[in-house]
Amino acid sequence: MLPTIAAILLLVILMLAIPVDVVFSLRKDGVWHGRIVVYWLFGLTRQTLRPRRKERVRRLQRHRGLRKAAGTSGRQLVRRRRYLVSVLRSEGFLRQAVYLVRDLLRSLRPRRYRIQCVVGLDDPADTGRLMGVLAPLRLFAGRKMGLGKHSDVAFEVTPDYTGPRCTGYWGASVRFVPLKLIRVFLGFLLSPPVLRAATGLIQRSKA
């Protein structure tokens, strides 16, 4: 029994040690189109996150319906705000939260940035001036810019002198290791300031 449990735990740890790539993309061609693609197991598994607008509205209406059914009163809202303020004022909590954000940002590895857009103004002369202002940004194309070992930047702007126009594509990819993120969150949750704030919150709720 113990060897089986140890083998399962080892397998879970190994799987959590495999990097995850998250690709963000945003396209504007008349309307905005955005999606998030998550790659895992070296690209063997892929999950596309692209919630539709109708689904977002439906979820928002469902959430409002649950809040009305729960009958959350003004006193409960005031009490929750007091709890939140007491947690934020707890000694060392804000400093620990800042450390959490810092460690999370360090755990993320930016990979690639890509910007392609077509812009145009009413006056072709204004479009030319705009291109002159944006010309220095082309110097960043292909630069490492200290964003990571494998990070690069692609920047391309095409003018449209026929009339007002603004279409384009923006994409970025980030890599992280789930095991590192779990370690960061556990370090935050088990830190003395957070445990002290949680203890005070429990005592206030029982009072």
N, C-alpha and C. Protein backbone atom coordinates (compact mmCIF):
# COMPACT_ATOMS: atom_id res chain seq x y z
N MET A 1 0.82 -1.21 0.00
CA MET A 1 0.00 0.00 0.00
C MET A 1 0.86 1.26 0.00
N LEU A 2 1.85 1.30 0.90
CA LEU A 2 2.72 2.48 0.97
C LEU A 2 3.50 2.70 -0.32
N PRO A 3 4.07 1.64 -0.94
CA PRO A 3 4.76 1.89 -2.23
C PRO A 3 3.84 2.45 -3.30
N THR A 4 2.56 2.03 -3.29
CA THR A 4 1.61 2.56 -4.28
C THR A 4 1.35 4.04 -4.04
N ILE A 5 1.14 4.42 -2.77
CA ILE A 5 0.91 5.83 -2.44
C ILE A 5 2.13 6.67 -2.78
N ALA A 6 3.32 6.14 -2.47
CA ALA A 6 4.55 6.87 -2.78
C ALA A 6 4.72 7.05 -4.28
N ALA A 7 4.37 6.02 -5.06
CA ALA A 7 4.48 6.13 -6.52
C ALA A 7 3.50 7.15 -7.07
N ILE A 8 2.28 7.19 -6.50
CA ILE A 8 1.29 8.17 -6.97
C ILE A 8 1.74 9.59 -6.64
N LEU A 9 2.26 9.79 -5.42
CA LEU A 9 2.74 11.12 -5.04
C LEU A 9 3.91 11.55 -5.92
N LEU A 10 4.80 10.62 -6.21
CA LEU A 10 5.94 10.94 -7.08
C LEU A 10 5.46 11.31 -8.48
N LEU A 11 4.47 10.58 -8.99
CA LEU A 11 3.93 10.89 -10.31
C LEU A 11 3.27 12.26 -10.34
N VAL A 12 2.53 12.60 -9.27
CA VAL A 12 1.89 13.91 -9.20
C VAL A 12 2.93 15.02 -9.16
N ILE A 13 3.98 14.82 -8.37
CA ILE A 13 5.04 15.83 -8.28
C ILE A 13 5.74 16.01 -9.63
N LEU A 14 5.99 14.92 -10.31
CA LEU A 14 6.65 15.01 -11.62
C LEU A 14 5.76 15.74 -12.63
N MET A 15 4.47 15.48 -12.58
CA MET A 15 3.55 16.15 -13.51
C MET A 15 3.46 17.64 -13.20
N LEU A 16 3.48 17.99 -11.90
CA LEU A 16 3.43 19.40 -11.53
C LEU A 16 4.73 20.12 -11.85
N ALA A 17 5.80 19.36 -12.05
CA ALA A 17 7.08 19.97 -12.40
C ALA A 17 7.21 20.25 -13.89
N ILE A 18 6.24 19.80 -14.68
CA ILE A 18 6.28 20.04 -16.13
C ILE A 18 5.80 21.46 -16.40
N PRO A 19 6.53 22.25 -17.17
CA PRO A 19 6.12 23.65 -17.43
C PRO A 19 4.79 23.73 -18.17
N VAL A 20 4.10 24.83 -17.90
CA VAL A 20 2.83 25.14 -18.56
C VAL A 20 3.01 26.43 -19.34
N ASP A 21 2.61 26.42 -20.60
CA ASP A 21 2.68 27.60 -21.45
C ASP A 21 1.27 28.17 -21.63
N VAL A 22 1.14 29.46 -21.39
CA VAL A 22 -0.13 30.15 -21.55
C VAL A 22 0.05 31.21 -22.63
N VAL A 23 -0.77 31.15 -23.67
CA VAL A 23 -0.69 32.07 -24.80
C VAL A 23 -1.92 32.96 -24.79
N PHE A 24 -1.69 34.27 -24.72
CA PHE A 24 -2.77 35.25 -24.77
C PHE A 24 -2.79 35.88 -26.15
N SER A 25 -3.96 36.05 -26.70
CA SER A 25 -4.07 36.70 -28.01
C SER A 25 -5.32 37.57 -28.04
N LEU A 26 -5.18 38.71 -28.70
CA LEU A 26 -6.27 39.66 -28.84
C LEU A 26 -6.23 40.22 -30.26
N ARG A 27 -7.34 40.09 -30.96
CA ARG A 27 -7.42 40.53 -32.35
C ARG A 27 -8.59 41.49 -32.52
N LYS A 28 -8.35 42.53 -33.29
CA LYS A 28 -9.40 43.51 -33.58
C LYS A 28 -9.55 43.64 -35.08
N ASP A 29 -10.69 43.21 -35.57
CA ASP A 29 -11.02 43.32 -36.98
C ASP A 29 -12.51 43.69 -37.06
N GLY A 30 -12.80 44.93 -36.79
CA GLY A 30 -14.18 45.35 -36.65
C GLY A 30 -14.66 45.20 -35.22
N VAL A 31 -14.50 44.00 -34.67
CA VAL A 31 -14.84 43.73 -33.27
C VAL A 31 -13.63 43.07 -32.61
N TRP A 32 -13.65 43.04 -31.29
CA TRP A 32 -12.55 42.45 -30.54
C TRP A 32 -12.76 40.94 -30.39
N HIS A 33 -11.69 40.18 -30.59
CA HIS A 33 -11.69 38.74 -30.39
C HIS A 33 -10.49 38.38 -29.51
N GLY A 34 -10.75 37.72 -28.42
CA GLY A 34 -9.67 37.34 -27.53
C GLY A 34 -9.80 35.88 -27.11
N ARG A 35 -8.67 35.28 -26.80
CA ARG A 35 -8.67 33.91 -26.32
C ARG A 35 -7.39 33.62 -25.56
N ILE A 36 -7.45 32.60 -24.74
CA ILE A 36 -6.31 32.14 -23.96
C ILE A 36 -6.16 30.64 -24.20
N VAL A 37 -4.96 30.22 -24.57
CA VAL A 37 -4.68 28.82 -24.85
C VAL A 37 -3.63 28.34 -23.86
N VAL A 38 -3.93 27.23 -23.18
CA VAL A 38 -3.03 26.66 -22.19
C VAL A 38 -2.45 25.36 -22.76
N TYR A 39 -1.13 25.28 -22.80
CA TYR A 39 -0.43 24.08 -23.28
C TYR A 39 0.28 23.41 -22.10
N TRP A 40 0.13 22.09 -22.04
CA TRP A 40 0.76 21.33 -20.95
C TRP A 40 1.27 20.02 -21.51
N LEU A 41 2.13 19.36 -20.74
CA LEU A 41 2.75 18.10 -21.15
C LEU A 41 3.46 18.26 -22.49
N PHE A 42 4.24 19.35 -22.58
CA PHE A 42 5.05 19.64 -23.76
C PHE A 42 4.20 19.74 -25.03
N GLY A 43 3.01 20.31 -24.89
CA GLY A 43 2.14 20.54 -26.03
C GLY A 43 1.21 19.39 -26.36
N LEU A 44 1.26 18.29 -25.57
CA LEU A 44 0.37 17.16 -25.86
C LEU A 44 -1.08 17.48 -25.50
N THR A 45 -1.27 18.31 -24.50
CA THR A 45 -2.62 18.71 -24.11
C THR A 45 -2.78 20.21 -24.33
N ARG A 46 -3.95 20.60 -24.79
CA ARG A 46 -4.23 22.00 -25.07
C ARG A 46 -5.66 22.32 -24.68
N GLN A 47 -5.82 23.44 -24.01
CA GLN A 47 -7.14 23.88 -23.60
C GLN A 47 -7.31 25.34 -24.00
N THR A 48 -8.37 25.61 -24.76
CA THR A 48 -8.65 26.96 -25.22
C THR A 48 -9.73 27.57 -24.35
N LEU A 49 -9.43 28.74 -23.81
CA LEU A 49 -10.39 29.47 -22.97
C LEU A 49 -10.86 30.68 -23.74
N ARG A 50 -12.08 30.63 -24.19
CA ARG A 50 -12.63 31.73 -24.97
C ARG A 50 -14.11 31.86 -24.63
N PRO A 51 -14.44 32.40 -23.44
CA PRO A 51 -15.85 32.52 -23.05
C PRO A 51 -16.60 33.48 -23.96
N ARG A 52 -17.76 33.09 -24.36
CA ARG A 52 -18.57 33.94 -25.22
C ARG A 52 -19.29 35.00 -24.40
N ARG A 53 -19.70 36.04 -25.09
CA ARG A 53 -20.34 37.15 -24.39
C ARG A 53 -21.65 36.72 -23.77
N LYS A 54 -22.43 35.90 -24.46
CA LYS A 54 -23.70 35.45 -23.91
C LYS A 54 -23.48 34.62 -22.65
N GLU A 55 -22.43 33.80 -22.66
CA GLU A 55 -22.15 33.00 -21.48
C GLU A 55 -21.74 33.87 -20.30
N ARG A 56 -20.96 34.94 -20.56
CA ARG A 56 -20.56 35.84 -19.49
C ARG A 56 -21.78 36.55 -18.90
N VAL A 57 -22.70 37.00 -19.77
CA VAL A 57 -23.92 37.65 -19.27
C VAL A 57 -24.76 36.67 -18.47
N ARG A 58 -24.84 35.43 -18.93
CA ARG A 58 -25.63 34.43 -18.22
C ARG A 58 -25.03 34.14 -16.85
N ARG A 59 -23.70 34.06 -16.77
CA ARG A 59 -23.07 33.82 -15.48
C ARG A 59 -23.29 34.99 -14.53
N LEU A 60 -23.22 36.21 -15.07
CA LEU A 60 -23.43 37.38 -14.22
C LEU A 60 -24.86 37.40 -13.69
N GLN A 61 -25.83 37.09 -14.53
CA GLN A 61 -27.22 37.06 -14.07
C GLN A 61 -27.43 35.94 -13.04
N ARG A 62 -26.78 34.81 -13.24
CA ARG A 62 -26.90 33.72 -12.28
C ARG A 62 -26.30 34.11 -10.93
N HIS A 63 -25.16 34.80 -10.98
CA HIS A 63 -24.51 35.25 -9.75
C HIS A 63 -25.39 36.25 -9.00
N ARG A 64 -26.01 37.16 -9.73
CA ARG A 64 -26.91 38.11 -9.08
C ARG A 64 -28.12 37.41 -8.48
N GLY A 65 -28.62 36.39 -9.18
CA GLY A 65 -29.76 35.65 -8.65
C GLY A 65 -29.41 34.92 -7.37
N LEU A 66 -28.20 34.36 -7.29
CA LEU A 66 -27.78 33.68 -6.07
C LEU A 66 -27.64 34.66 -4.92
N ARG A 67 -27.14 35.87 -5.22
CA ARG A 67 -26.99 36.86 -4.16
C ARG A 67 -28.36 37.31 -3.63
N LYS A 68 -29.33 37.46 -4.53
CA LYS A 68 -30.66 37.84 -4.09
C LYS A 68 -31.31 36.72 -3.28
N ALA A 69 -31.08 35.46 -3.72
CA ALA A 69 -31.66 34.33 -2.99
C ALA A 69 -31.05 34.20 -1.60
N ALA A 70 -29.77 34.53 -1.49
CA ALA A 70 -29.11 34.44 -0.18
C ALA A 70 -29.59 35.53 0.75
N GLY A 71 -30.12 36.63 0.19
CA GLY A 71 -30.65 37.69 1.02
C GLY A 71 -29.58 38.41 1.81
N THR A 72 -28.49 38.75 1.17
CA THR A 72 -27.41 39.44 1.84
C THR A 72 -27.86 40.83 2.23
N SER A 73 -27.87 41.11 3.52
CA SER A 73 -28.32 42.39 4.02
C SER A 73 -27.17 43.37 4.09
N GLY A 74 -27.53 44.63 4.36
CA GLY A 74 -26.50 45.66 4.48
C GLY A 74 -25.60 45.43 5.67
N ARG A 75 -26.15 44.90 6.77
CA ARG A 75 -25.33 44.62 7.95
C ARG A 75 -24.27 43.57 7.66
N GLN A 76 -24.64 42.56 6.88
CA GLN A 76 -23.67 41.53 6.53
C GLN A 76 -22.54 42.09 5.67
N LEU A 77 -22.89 43.00 4.76
CA LEU A 77 -21.87 43.61 3.92
C LEU A 77 -20.92 44.46 4.76
N VAL A 78 -21.49 45.22 5.71
CA VAL A 78 -20.64 46.02 6.60
C VAL A 78 -19.74 45.14 7.44
N ARG A 79 -20.27 44.03 7.91
CA ARG A 79 -19.47 43.12 8.72
C ARG A 79 -18.35 42.51 7.90
N ARG A 80 -18.62 42.14 6.65
CA ARG A 80 -17.57 41.57 5.80
C ARG A 80 -16.48 42.59 5.51
N ARG A 81 -16.89 43.84 5.32
CA ARG A 81 -15.89 44.88 5.08
C ARG A 81 -15.02 45.09 6.31
N ARG A 82 -15.62 45.03 7.48
CA ARG A 82 -14.83 45.16 8.70
C ARG A 82 -13.84 44.02 8.84
N TYR A 83 -14.28 42.82 8.50
CA TYR A 83 -13.38 41.67 8.54
C TYR A 83 -12.20 41.88 7.59
N LEU A 84 -12.51 42.37 6.38
CA LEU A 84 -11.46 42.59 5.40
C LEU A 84 -10.48 43.66 5.87
N VAL A 85 -11.00 44.73 6.45
CA VAL A 85 -10.13 45.80 6.95
C VAL A 85 -9.25 45.29 8.09
N SER A 86 -9.83 44.46 8.97
CA SER A 86 -9.05 43.92 10.08
C SER A 86 -7.93 43.02 9.59
N VAL A 87 -8.19 42.25 8.51
CA VAL A 87 -7.14 41.40 7.94
C VAL A 87 -6.04 42.25 7.33
N LEU A 88 -6.41 43.30 6.59
CA LEU A 88 -5.41 44.15 5.96
C LEU A 88 -4.57 44.90 6.99
N ARG A 89 -5.18 45.23 8.12
CA ARG A 89 -4.44 45.95 9.15
C ARG A 89 -3.64 45.04 10.06
N SER A 90 -3.75 43.75 9.86
CA SER A 90 -2.99 42.82 10.68
C SER A 90 -1.49 43.02 10.45
N GLU A 91 -0.72 42.90 11.50
CA GLU A 91 0.71 43.19 11.45
C GLU A 91 1.42 42.26 10.46
N GLY A 92 2.06 42.85 9.47
CA GLY A 92 2.86 42.09 8.52
C GLY A 92 2.10 41.49 7.37
N PHE A 93 0.76 41.62 7.34
CA PHE A 93 -0.01 40.97 6.27
C PHE A 93 0.25 41.63 4.92
N LEU A 94 0.18 42.97 4.87
CA LEU A 94 0.40 43.66 3.60
C LEU A 94 1.81 43.41 3.07
N ARG A 95 2.78 43.41 3.96
CA ARG A 95 4.15 43.13 3.52
C ARG A 95 4.26 41.72 2.94
N GLN A 96 3.58 40.76 3.57
CA GLN A 96 3.60 39.39 3.06
C GLN A 96 2.88 39.29 1.73
N ALA A 97 1.81 40.07 1.55
CA ALA A 97 1.10 40.08 0.27
C ALA A 97 1.98 40.64 -0.84
N VAL A 98 2.75 41.67 -0.52
CA VAL A 98 3.68 42.23 -1.51
C VAL A 98 4.73 41.18 -1.90
N TYR A 99 5.22 40.44 -0.91
CA TYR A 99 6.18 39.38 -1.20
C TYR A 99 5.55 38.30 -2.09
N LEU A 100 4.26 38.03 -1.86
CA LEU A 100 3.57 37.03 -2.69
C LEU A 100 3.53 37.47 -4.15
N VAL A 101 3.15 38.72 -4.38
CA VAL A 101 3.10 39.23 -5.76
C VAL A 101 4.49 39.20 -6.38
N ARG A 102 5.49 39.59 -5.61
CA ARG A 102 6.86 39.58 -6.14
C ARG A 102 7.30 38.17 -6.53
N ASP A 103 7.04 37.21 -5.67
CA ASP A 103 7.44 35.83 -5.96
C ASP A 103 6.66 35.25 -7.13
N LEU A 104 5.38 35.63 -7.26
CA LEU A 104 4.60 35.15 -8.40
C LEU A 104 5.15 35.70 -9.71
N LEU A 105 5.51 36.97 -9.72
CA LEU A 105 6.07 37.57 -10.93
C LEU A 105 7.41 36.94 -11.27
N ARG A 106 8.18 36.60 -10.27
CA ARG A 106 9.47 35.94 -10.53
C ARG A 106 9.29 34.52 -11.05
N SER A 107 8.18 33.89 -10.69
CA SER A 107 7.94 32.52 -11.15
C SER A 107 7.47 32.47 -12.60
N LEU A 108 6.97 33.59 -13.12
CA LEU A 108 6.51 33.64 -14.51
C LEU A 108 7.68 33.96 -15.44
N ARG A 109 7.74 33.28 -16.54
CA ARG A 109 8.79 33.49 -17.54
C ARG A 109 8.17 33.98 -18.85
N PRO A 110 8.23 35.27 -19.11
CA PRO A 110 7.72 35.76 -20.40
C PRO A 110 8.49 35.14 -21.55
N ARG A 111 7.77 34.79 -22.61
CA ARG A 111 8.40 34.10 -23.73
C ARG A 111 8.44 34.98 -24.98
N ARG A 112 7.29 35.21 -25.55
CA ARG A 112 7.26 35.94 -26.83
C ARG A 112 6.15 36.99 -26.79
N TYR A 113 6.47 38.11 -27.43
CA TYR A 113 5.50 39.19 -27.59
C TYR A 113 5.40 39.51 -29.08
N ARG A 114 4.19 39.68 -29.53
CA ARG A 114 3.98 39.96 -30.95
C ARG A 114 2.88 40.99 -31.10
N ILE A 115 3.19 42.07 -31.79
CA ILE A 115 2.22 43.13 -32.02
C ILE A 115 2.22 43.46 -33.51
N GLN A 116 1.08 43.33 -34.13
CA GLN A 116 0.89 43.68 -35.53
C GLN A 116 -0.38 44.52 -35.64
N CYS A 117 -0.27 45.68 -36.22
CA CYS A 117 -1.46 46.53 -36.32
C CYS A 117 -1.39 47.37 -37.58
N VAL A 118 -2.57 47.76 -38.04
CA VAL A 118 -2.74 48.65 -39.19
C VAL A 118 -3.51 49.86 -38.69
N VAL A 119 -2.93 51.03 -38.83
CA VAL A 119 -3.54 52.25 -38.31
C VAL A 119 -3.65 53.28 -39.42
N GLY A 120 -4.68 54.08 -39.32
CA GLY A 120 -4.89 55.15 -40.28
C GLY A 120 -5.77 56.23 -39.68
N LEU A 121 -5.53 57.48 -40.05
CA LEU A 121 -6.31 58.60 -39.57
C LEU A 121 -7.07 59.24 -40.73
N ASP A 122 -7.89 60.23 -40.41
CA ASP A 122 -8.69 60.89 -41.45
C ASP A 122 -7.79 61.57 -42.48
N ASP A 123 -6.75 62.22 -42.00
CA ASP A 123 -5.83 62.94 -42.87
C ASP A 123 -4.59 62.09 -43.11
N PRO A 124 -4.22 61.80 -44.37
CA PRO A 124 -3.00 61.02 -44.62
C PRO A 124 -1.76 61.66 -44.01
N ALA A 125 -1.73 63.00 -43.93
CA ALA A 125 -0.57 63.65 -43.31
C ALA A 125 -0.48 63.30 -41.83
N ASP A 126 -1.62 63.25 -41.15
CA ASP A 126 -1.61 62.86 -39.74
C ASP A 126 -1.17 61.41 -39.58
N THR A 127 -1.56 60.58 -40.53
CA THR A 127 -1.11 59.19 -40.48
C THR A 127 0.40 59.11 -40.61
N GLY A 128 0.97 59.91 -41.51
CA GLY A 128 2.42 59.93 -41.66
C GLY A 128 3.12 60.42 -40.39
N ARG A 129 2.56 61.44 -39.74
CA ARG A 129 3.15 61.92 -38.49
C ARG A 129 3.09 60.85 -37.40
N LEU A 130 1.94 60.15 -37.36
CA LEU A 130 1.81 59.08 -36.38
C LEU A 130 2.85 57.98 -36.60
N MET A 131 3.08 57.63 -37.86
CA MET A 131 4.09 56.63 -38.17
C MET A 131 5.48 57.10 -37.77
N GLY A 132 5.71 58.40 -37.91
CA GLY A 132 7.00 58.94 -37.48
C GLY A 132 7.19 58.83 -35.98
N VAL A 133 6.10 59.01 -35.24
CA VAL A 133 6.19 58.87 -33.79
C VAL A 133 6.41 57.42 -33.38
N LEU A 134 5.76 56.50 -34.09
CA LEU A 134 5.86 55.07 -33.76
C LEU A 134 7.10 54.41 -34.33
N ALA A 135 7.83 55.10 -35.19
CA ALA A 135 9.00 54.49 -35.82
C ALA A 135 10.03 54.01 -34.81
N PRO A 136 10.33 54.75 -33.73
CA PRO A 136 11.34 54.25 -32.78
C PRO A 136 10.98 52.93 -32.12
N LEU A 137 9.68 52.60 -32.08
CA LEU A 137 9.29 51.34 -31.45
C LEU A 137 9.77 50.13 -32.24
N ARG A 138 10.04 50.35 -33.51
CA ARG A 138 10.54 49.23 -34.33
C ARG A 138 11.92 48.78 -33.88
N LEU A 139 12.62 49.62 -33.16
CA LEU A 139 13.95 49.24 -32.68
C LEU A 139 13.88 48.11 -31.67
N PHE A 140 12.69 47.95 -31.03
CA PHE A 140 12.56 46.90 -30.03
C PHE A 140 12.30 45.53 -30.65
N ALA A 141 12.00 45.48 -31.93
CA ALA A 141 11.68 44.20 -32.58
C ALA A 141 12.89 43.29 -32.55
N GLY A 142 12.67 42.07 -32.07
CA GLY A 142 13.72 41.08 -32.03
C GLY A 142 14.69 41.25 -30.88
N ARG A 143 14.47 42.21 -29.99
CA ARG A 143 15.37 42.42 -28.86
C ARG A 143 14.99 41.51 -27.70
N LYS A 144 15.98 41.11 -26.94
CA LYS A 144 15.73 40.30 -25.75
C LYS A 144 15.10 41.15 -24.65
N MET A 145 15.58 42.35 -24.45
CA MET A 145 15.02 43.31 -23.52
C MET A 145 14.97 42.80 -22.09
N GLY A 146 15.76 41.78 -21.76
CA GLY A 146 15.81 41.29 -20.40
C GLY A 146 14.53 40.65 -19.91
N LEU A 147 13.67 40.19 -20.80
CA LEU A 147 12.40 39.59 -20.42
C LEU A 147 12.51 38.10 -20.16
N GLY A 148 13.65 37.53 -20.39
CA GLY A 148 13.84 36.11 -20.17
C GLY A 148 14.81 35.54 -21.17
N LYS A 149 15.22 34.33 -20.92
CA LYS A 149 16.24 33.71 -21.76
C LYS A 149 15.74 33.49 -23.18
N HIS A 150 14.48 33.13 -23.32
CA HIS A 150 13.94 32.82 -24.64
C HIS A 150 12.91 33.83 -25.10
N SER A 151 12.89 35.00 -24.50
CA SER A 151 11.87 35.98 -24.86
C SER A 151 12.34 36.83 -26.03
N ASP A 152 11.41 37.21 -26.84
CA ASP A 152 11.70 38.12 -27.95
C ASP A 152 10.44 38.95 -28.22
N VAL A 153 10.64 40.02 -28.96
CA VAL A 153 9.57 40.96 -29.23
C VAL A 153 9.48 41.18 -30.74
N ALA A 154 8.28 41.07 -31.27
CA ALA A 154 8.03 41.36 -32.68
C ALA A 154 7.02 42.50 -32.74
N PHE A 155 7.41 43.58 -33.40
CA PHE A 155 6.56 44.76 -33.47
C PHE A 155 6.47 45.21 -34.92
N GLU A 156 5.25 45.35 -35.40
CA GLU A 156 5.05 45.74 -36.81
C GLU A 156 3.83 46.64 -36.91
N VAL A 157 4.00 47.81 -37.51
CA VAL A 157 2.91 48.76 -37.72
C VAL A 157 2.85 49.10 -39.19
N THR A 158 1.68 48.94 -39.78
CA THR A 158 1.48 49.24 -41.20
C THR A 158 0.51 50.41 -41.33
N PRO A 159 0.89 51.44 -42.07
CA PRO A 159 -0.02 52.59 -42.21
C PRO A 159 -1.10 52.33 -43.25
N ASP A 160 -2.22 52.99 -43.07
CA ASP A 160 -3.32 52.95 -44.02
C ASP A 160 -3.70 54.39 -44.32
N TYR A 161 -3.36 54.85 -45.52
CA TYR A 161 -3.59 56.24 -45.90
C TYR A 161 -4.95 56.47 -46.56
N THR A 162 -5.78 55.42 -46.61
CA THR A 162 -7.07 55.56 -47.28
C THR A 162 -8.16 56.13 -46.36
N GLY A 163 -7.93 56.07 -45.05
CA GLY A 163 -8.96 56.56 -44.14
C GLY A 163 -8.73 56.05 -42.74
N PRO A 164 -9.61 56.40 -41.82
CA PRO A 164 -9.45 55.96 -40.43
C PRO A 164 -9.58 54.45 -40.30
N ARG A 165 -8.63 53.86 -39.61
CA ARG A 165 -8.63 52.42 -39.44
C ARG A 165 -7.76 52.05 -38.24
N CYS A 166 -8.19 51.04 -37.54
CA CYS A 166 -7.39 50.54 -36.42
C CYS A 166 -7.70 49.05 -36.25
N THR A 167 -6.88 48.22 -36.83
CA THR A 167 -7.01 46.77 -36.70
C THR A 167 -5.66 46.21 -36.34
N GLY A 168 -5.66 45.03 -35.75
CA GLY A 168 -4.37 44.46 -35.41
C GLY A 168 -4.48 43.21 -34.57
N TYR A 169 -3.32 42.77 -34.15
CA TYR A 169 -3.19 41.53 -33.37
C TYR A 169 -2.17 41.75 -32.27
N TRP A 170 -2.50 41.30 -31.08
CA TRP A 170 -1.57 41.34 -29.97
C TRP A 170 -1.50 39.96 -29.35
N GLY A 171 -0.29 39.47 -29.14
CA GLY A 171 -0.12 38.14 -28.56
C GLY A 171 1.06 38.09 -27.63
N ALA A 172 0.97 37.27 -26.61
CA ALA A 172 2.04 37.09 -25.65
C ALA A 172 1.94 35.69 -25.07
N SER A 173 3.07 35.14 -24.68
CA SER A 173 3.09 33.82 -24.08
C SER A 173 3.94 33.85 -22.82
N VAL A 174 3.48 33.11 -21.82
CA VAL A 174 4.15 33.05 -20.52
C VAL A 174 4.27 31.59 -20.12
N ARG A 175 5.41 31.26 -19.52
CA ARG A 175 5.64 29.89 -19.05
C ARG A 175 5.83 29.90 -17.54
N PHE A 176 5.27 28.91 -16.88
CA PHE A 176 5.47 28.76 -15.44
C PHE A 176 5.42 27.28 -15.08
N VAL A 177 5.98 26.98 -13.92
CA VAL A 177 6.00 25.62 -13.40
C VAL A 177 4.99 25.55 -12.25
N PRO A 178 3.96 24.72 -12.35
CA PRO A 178 2.94 24.68 -11.29
C PRO A 178 3.51 24.38 -9.91
N LEU A 179 4.55 23.55 -9.84
CA LEU A 179 5.12 23.20 -8.54
C LEU A 179 5.70 24.42 -7.84
N LYS A 180 6.29 25.33 -8.60
CA LYS A 180 6.83 26.55 -8.01
C LYS A 180 5.72 27.46 -7.49
N LEU A 181 4.63 27.55 -8.26
CA LEU A 181 3.51 28.38 -7.80
C LEU A 181 2.88 27.82 -6.53
N ILE A 182 2.78 26.50 -6.44
CA ILE A 182 2.23 25.89 -5.22
C ILE A 182 3.14 26.19 -4.04
N ARG A 183 4.44 26.13 -4.26
CA ARG A 183 5.37 26.43 -3.18
C ARG A 183 5.24 27.88 -2.73
N VAL A 184 5.05 28.79 -3.68
CA VAL A 184 4.90 30.21 -3.35
C VAL A 184 3.63 30.44 -2.52
N PHE A 185 2.51 29.83 -2.95
CA PHE A 185 1.26 30.02 -2.23
C PHE A 185 1.31 29.37 -0.84
N LEU A 186 1.94 28.20 -0.73
CA LEU A 186 2.05 27.57 0.58
C LEU A 186 2.91 28.41 1.51
N GLY A 187 3.99 28.99 0.97
CA GLY A 187 4.82 29.86 1.79
C GLY A 187 4.04 31.08 2.29
N PHE A 188 3.13 31.59 1.46
CA PHE A 188 2.31 32.72 1.86
C PHE A 188 1.28 32.33 2.90
N LEU A 189 0.57 31.21 2.67
CA LEU A 189 -0.49 30.80 3.57
C LEU A 189 0.04 30.36 4.93
N LEU A 190 1.24 29.78 4.97
CA LEU A 190 1.81 29.29 6.22
C LEU A 190 2.72 30.29 6.90
N SER A 191 2.82 31.49 6.38
CA SER A 191 3.65 32.51 7.01
C SER A 191 2.97 33.00 8.29
N PRO A 192 3.75 33.41 9.29
CA PRO A 192 3.16 33.88 10.57
C PRO A 192 2.17 35.02 10.42
N PRO A 193 2.42 36.06 9.57
CA PRO A 193 1.42 37.13 9.46
C PRO A 193 0.07 36.64 8.94
N VAL A 194 0.07 35.74 7.97
CA VAL A 194 -1.18 35.24 7.41
C VAL A 194 -1.90 34.34 8.42
N LEU A 195 -1.15 33.48 9.11
CA LEU A 195 -1.76 32.64 10.13
C LEU A 195 -2.33 33.49 11.27
N ARG A 196 -1.62 34.55 11.63
CA ARG A 196 -2.11 35.43 12.68
C ARG A 196 -3.39 36.15 12.24
N ALA A 197 -3.42 36.60 10.98
CA ALA A 197 -4.62 37.27 10.47
C ALA A 197 -5.79 36.29 10.38
N ALA A 198 -5.53 35.05 9.96
CA ALA A 198 -6.60 34.06 9.88
C ALA A 198 -7.15 33.72 11.27
N THR A 199 -6.26 33.63 12.26
CA THR A 199 -6.71 33.36 13.62
C THR A 199 -7.57 34.49 14.15
N GLY A 200 -7.15 35.73 13.91
CA GLY A 200 -7.96 36.86 14.34
C GLY A 200 -9.29 36.92 13.64
N LEU A 201 -9.33 36.55 12.37
CA LEU A 201 -10.59 36.56 11.63
C LEU A 201 -11.56 35.51 12.17
N ILE A 202 -11.03 34.35 12.54
CA ILE A 202 -11.88 33.29 13.09
C ILE A 202 -12.45 33.71 14.45
N GLN A 203 -11.61 34.34 15.25
CA GLN A 203 -12.08 34.79 16.55
C GLN A 203 -13.14 35.87 16.43
N ARG A 204 -12.98 36.78 15.47
CA ARG A 204 -13.98 37.83 15.25
C ARG A 204 -15.32 37.23 14.78
N SER A 205 -15.24 36.23 13.91
CA SER A 205 -16.47 35.63 13.38
C SER A 205 -17.24 34.87 14.46
N LYS A 206 -16.52 34.32 15.45
CA LYS A 206 -17.18 33.60 16.52
C LYS A 206 -17.77 34.53 17.58
N ALA A 207 -17.21 35.76 17.62
CA ALA A 207 -17.68 36.69 18.66
C ALA A 207 -19.09 37.20 18.36
